[in-house]
């Protein structure tokens, strides 16, 4: 069963409260998404650690319920 974009955004915001999250359904199938996550908590943190924080927020759903996520992380300007 595909995962809704709103559910993905909510899970990320729950784990990273100050996050600005933009989710795009890349294929229209609810299975392939792009996410842009901007958070002050990423400042000074390596890109790998930023991505790990987002994946941790998804609670192990990557590769299962959530098939593919193209992820971009950033700090606010």
N, C-alpha and C. Protein backbone atom coordinates (compact mmCIF):
# COMPACT_ATOMS: atom_id res chain seq x y z
N UNK A 1 0.85 -1.18 0.00
CA UNK A 1 0.00 0.00 0.00
C UNK A 1 0.89 1.25 0.00
N UNK A 2 0.67 2.15 -0.93
CA UNK A 2 1.47 3.38 -1.02
C UNK A 2 1.30 4.26 0.22
N UNK A 3 2.23 5.16 0.39
CA UNK A 3 2.21 6.09 1.51
C UNK A 3 1.84 7.47 1.01
N UNK A 4 0.96 8.15 1.70
CA UNK A 4 0.51 9.49 1.30
C UNK A 4 1.59 10.54 1.59
N UNK A 5 1.71 11.51 0.70
CA UNK A 5 2.68 12.59 0.86
C UNK A 5 2.49 13.32 2.19
N UNK A 6 1.25 13.55 2.58
CA UNK A 6 0.98 14.24 3.85
C UNK A 6 1.49 13.44 5.04
N UNK A 7 1.40 12.11 4.96
CA UNK A 7 1.90 11.26 6.04
C UNK A 7 3.42 11.35 6.16
N UNK A 8 4.08 11.38 5.01
CA UNK A 8 5.54 11.50 5.00
C UNK A 8 5.95 12.82 5.64
N UNK A 9 5.32 13.91 5.21
CA UNK A 9 5.64 15.24 5.75
C UNK A 9 5.38 15.29 7.25
N UNK A 10 4.28 14.72 7.70
CA UNK A 10 3.94 14.74 9.12
C UNK A 10 4.96 13.97 9.95
N UNK A 11 5.40 12.82 9.45
CA UNK A 11 6.39 12.04 10.18
C UNK A 11 7.71 12.81 10.32
N UNK A 12 8.11 13.49 9.25
CA UNK A 12 9.34 14.26 9.30
C UNK A 12 9.20 15.42 10.27
N UNK A 13 8.08 16.13 10.21
CA UNK A 13 7.85 17.27 11.13
C UNK A 13 7.75 16.83 12.58
N UNK A 14 7.24 15.64 12.81
CA UNK A 14 7.15 15.14 14.19
C UNK A 14 8.54 14.92 14.78
N UNK A 15 9.47 14.44 13.95
CA UNK A 15 10.82 14.16 14.43
C UNK A 15 11.72 15.39 14.38
N UNK A 16 11.44 16.29 13.43
CA UNK A 16 12.25 17.50 13.25
C UNK A 16 11.26 18.68 13.26
N UNK A 17 10.85 19.13 14.45
CA UNK A 17 9.74 20.09 14.57
C UNK A 17 9.87 21.39 13.79
N UNK A 18 11.11 21.88 13.59
CA UNK A 18 11.24 23.16 12.88
C UNK A 18 11.35 22.97 11.36
N UNK A 19 11.24 21.74 10.89
CA UNK A 19 11.45 21.45 9.47
C UNK A 19 10.38 22.05 8.58
N UNK A 20 10.85 22.61 7.49
CA UNK A 20 9.98 23.00 6.38
C UNK A 20 10.09 21.84 5.39
N UNK A 21 8.96 21.23 5.07
CA UNK A 21 8.98 20.01 4.26
C UNK A 21 8.14 20.20 3.01
N UNK A 22 8.73 19.90 1.86
CA UNK A 22 8.02 19.92 0.58
C UNK A 22 8.13 18.51 0.00
N UNK A 23 6.98 17.90 -0.28
CA UNK A 23 6.95 16.55 -0.85
C UNK A 23 6.33 16.63 -2.24
N UNK A 24 6.96 15.96 -3.20
CA UNK A 24 6.45 15.89 -4.56
C UNK A 24 6.33 14.43 -4.96
N UNK A 25 5.17 14.04 -5.48
CA UNK A 25 4.96 12.69 -5.99
C UNK A 25 5.53 12.66 -7.40
N UNK A 26 6.63 11.96 -7.60
CA UNK A 26 7.35 12.00 -8.87
C UNK A 26 6.68 11.21 -9.99
N UNK A 27 5.96 10.15 -9.63
CA UNK A 27 5.39 9.27 -10.66
C UNK A 27 3.87 9.21 -10.62
N UNK A 28 3.26 9.89 -9.64
CA UNK A 28 1.81 9.85 -9.52
C UNK A 28 1.29 8.53 -8.99
N UNK A 29 2.19 7.72 -8.42
CA UNK A 29 1.78 6.39 -7.95
C UNK A 29 1.81 6.24 -6.43
N UNK A 30 2.15 7.33 -5.72
CA UNK A 30 2.22 7.26 -4.26
C UNK A 30 3.36 6.40 -3.76
N UNK A 31 4.32 6.12 -4.61
CA UNK A 31 5.42 5.23 -4.27
C UNK A 31 6.80 5.84 -4.51
N UNK A 32 6.84 6.89 -5.31
CA UNK A 32 8.11 7.53 -5.68
C UNK A 32 8.01 9.03 -5.41
N UNK A 33 8.72 9.47 -4.39
CA UNK A 33 8.61 10.86 -3.95
C UNK A 33 9.95 11.58 -3.98
N UNK A 34 9.84 12.89 -4.01
CA UNK A 34 10.97 13.78 -3.79
C UNK A 34 10.63 14.58 -2.54
N UNK A 35 11.61 14.75 -1.66
CA UNK A 35 11.39 15.54 -0.44
C UNK A 35 12.50 16.57 -0.30
N UNK A 36 12.11 17.78 0.02
CA UNK A 36 13.06 18.84 0.37
C UNK A 36 12.78 19.19 1.81
N UNK A 37 13.78 19.03 2.65
CA UNK A 37 13.62 19.28 4.09
C UNK A 37 14.64 20.34 4.50
N UNK A 38 14.13 21.45 5.03
CA UNK A 38 14.97 22.56 5.47
C UNK A 38 14.80 22.70 6.99
N UNK A 39 15.92 22.69 7.70
CA UNK A 39 15.85 22.78 9.16
C UNK A 39 17.11 23.44 9.71
N UNK A 40 16.92 24.30 10.69
CA UNK A 40 18.05 24.91 11.38
C UNK A 40 18.87 23.84 12.10
N UNK A 41 18.22 22.76 12.50
CA UNK A 41 18.94 21.70 13.22
C UNK A 41 19.99 21.01 12.34
N UNK A 42 19.95 21.25 11.04
CA UNK A 42 20.95 20.68 10.13
C UNK A 42 22.23 21.50 10.06
N UNK A 43 22.20 22.71 10.61
CA UNK A 43 23.37 23.58 10.53
C UNK A 43 24.58 22.93 11.22
N UNK A 44 25.69 22.86 10.49
CA UNK A 44 26.91 22.28 11.03
C UNK A 44 26.93 20.76 11.04
N UNK A 45 25.89 20.14 10.48
CA UNK A 45 25.77 18.69 10.46
C UNK A 45 26.06 18.21 9.04
N UNK A 46 26.80 17.14 8.91
CA UNK A 46 27.13 16.63 7.57
C UNK A 46 25.86 16.24 6.81
N UNK A 47 25.95 16.27 5.50
CA UNK A 47 24.81 15.90 4.66
C UNK A 47 24.36 14.47 4.96
N UNK A 48 25.30 13.58 5.19
CA UNK A 48 24.96 12.19 5.51
C UNK A 48 24.12 12.13 6.79
N UNK A 49 24.55 12.86 7.82
CA UNK A 49 23.81 12.87 9.10
C UNK A 49 22.43 13.52 8.93
N UNK A 50 22.34 14.54 8.08
CA UNK A 50 21.04 15.16 7.80
C UNK A 50 20.08 14.14 7.20
N UNK A 51 20.57 13.41 6.20
CA UNK A 51 19.74 12.40 5.54
C UNK A 51 19.38 11.28 6.51
N UNK A 52 20.32 10.89 7.34
CA UNK A 52 20.03 9.85 8.33
C UNK A 52 18.92 10.28 9.29
N UNK A 53 18.92 11.57 9.66
CA UNK A 53 17.88 12.08 10.55
C UNK A 53 16.50 11.99 9.88
N UNK A 54 16.45 12.30 8.60
CA UNK A 54 15.16 12.23 7.88
C UNK A 54 14.73 10.77 7.76
N UNK A 55 15.65 9.88 7.38
CA UNK A 55 15.29 8.47 7.26
C UNK A 55 14.85 7.89 8.60
N UNK A 56 15.50 8.30 9.69
CA UNK A 56 15.10 7.85 11.02
C UNK A 56 13.68 8.31 11.34
N UNK A 57 13.34 9.51 10.89
CA UNK A 57 11.99 10.04 11.12
C UNK A 57 10.92 9.20 10.43
N UNK A 58 11.31 8.51 9.37
CA UNK A 58 10.36 7.68 8.61
C UNK A 58 10.21 6.29 9.21
N UNK A 59 10.90 6.04 10.30
CA UNK A 59 10.67 4.83 11.08
C UNK A 59 10.81 3.52 10.32
N UNK A 60 11.80 3.39 9.47
CA UNK A 60 12.03 2.12 8.79
C UNK A 60 11.11 1.85 7.61
N UNK A 61 10.37 2.85 7.18
CA UNK A 61 9.45 2.64 6.05
C UNK A 61 10.14 2.69 4.69
N UNK A 62 11.37 3.23 4.65
CA UNK A 62 12.11 3.29 3.40
C UNK A 62 12.37 1.88 2.89
N UNK A 63 12.12 1.69 1.60
CA UNK A 63 12.35 0.39 0.99
C UNK A 63 11.20 -0.58 1.21
N UNK A 64 10.24 -0.19 2.01
CA UNK A 64 9.06 -1.02 2.26
C UNK A 64 7.83 -0.29 1.77
N UNK A 65 7.09 0.28 2.72
CA UNK A 65 5.90 1.06 2.37
C UNK A 65 6.26 2.23 1.47
N UNK A 66 7.38 2.84 1.74
CA UNK A 66 7.88 3.96 0.94
C UNK A 66 9.00 3.44 0.05
N UNK A 67 8.69 3.25 -1.22
CA UNK A 67 9.62 2.58 -2.14
C UNK A 67 10.84 3.44 -2.47
N UNK A 68 10.61 4.72 -2.82
CA UNK A 68 11.72 5.56 -3.26
C UNK A 68 11.52 7.00 -2.79
N UNK A 69 12.59 7.59 -2.28
CA UNK A 69 12.56 8.98 -1.84
C UNK A 69 13.83 9.68 -2.29
N UNK A 70 13.67 10.63 -3.19
CA UNK A 70 14.79 11.49 -3.61
C UNK A 70 14.85 12.61 -2.58
N UNK A 71 15.93 12.68 -1.82
CA UNK A 71 15.99 13.57 -0.66
C UNK A 71 17.00 14.70 -0.85
N UNK A 72 16.54 15.91 -0.53
CA UNK A 72 17.40 17.09 -0.50
C UNK A 72 17.23 17.73 0.87
N UNK A 73 18.33 18.01 1.55
CA UNK A 73 18.26 18.68 2.84
C UNK A 73 19.06 19.98 2.76
N UNK A 74 18.68 20.93 3.61
CA UNK A 74 19.33 22.24 3.62
C UNK A 74 19.08 22.93 4.94
N UNK A 75 19.85 23.99 5.18
CA UNK A 75 19.61 24.89 6.32
C UNK A 75 18.93 26.14 5.78
N UNK A 76 18.16 26.84 6.62
CA UNK A 76 17.51 28.07 6.15
C UNK A 76 18.55 29.12 5.76
N UNK A 77 18.19 29.96 4.83
CA UNK A 77 19.08 31.07 4.42
C UNK A 77 19.06 32.19 5.42
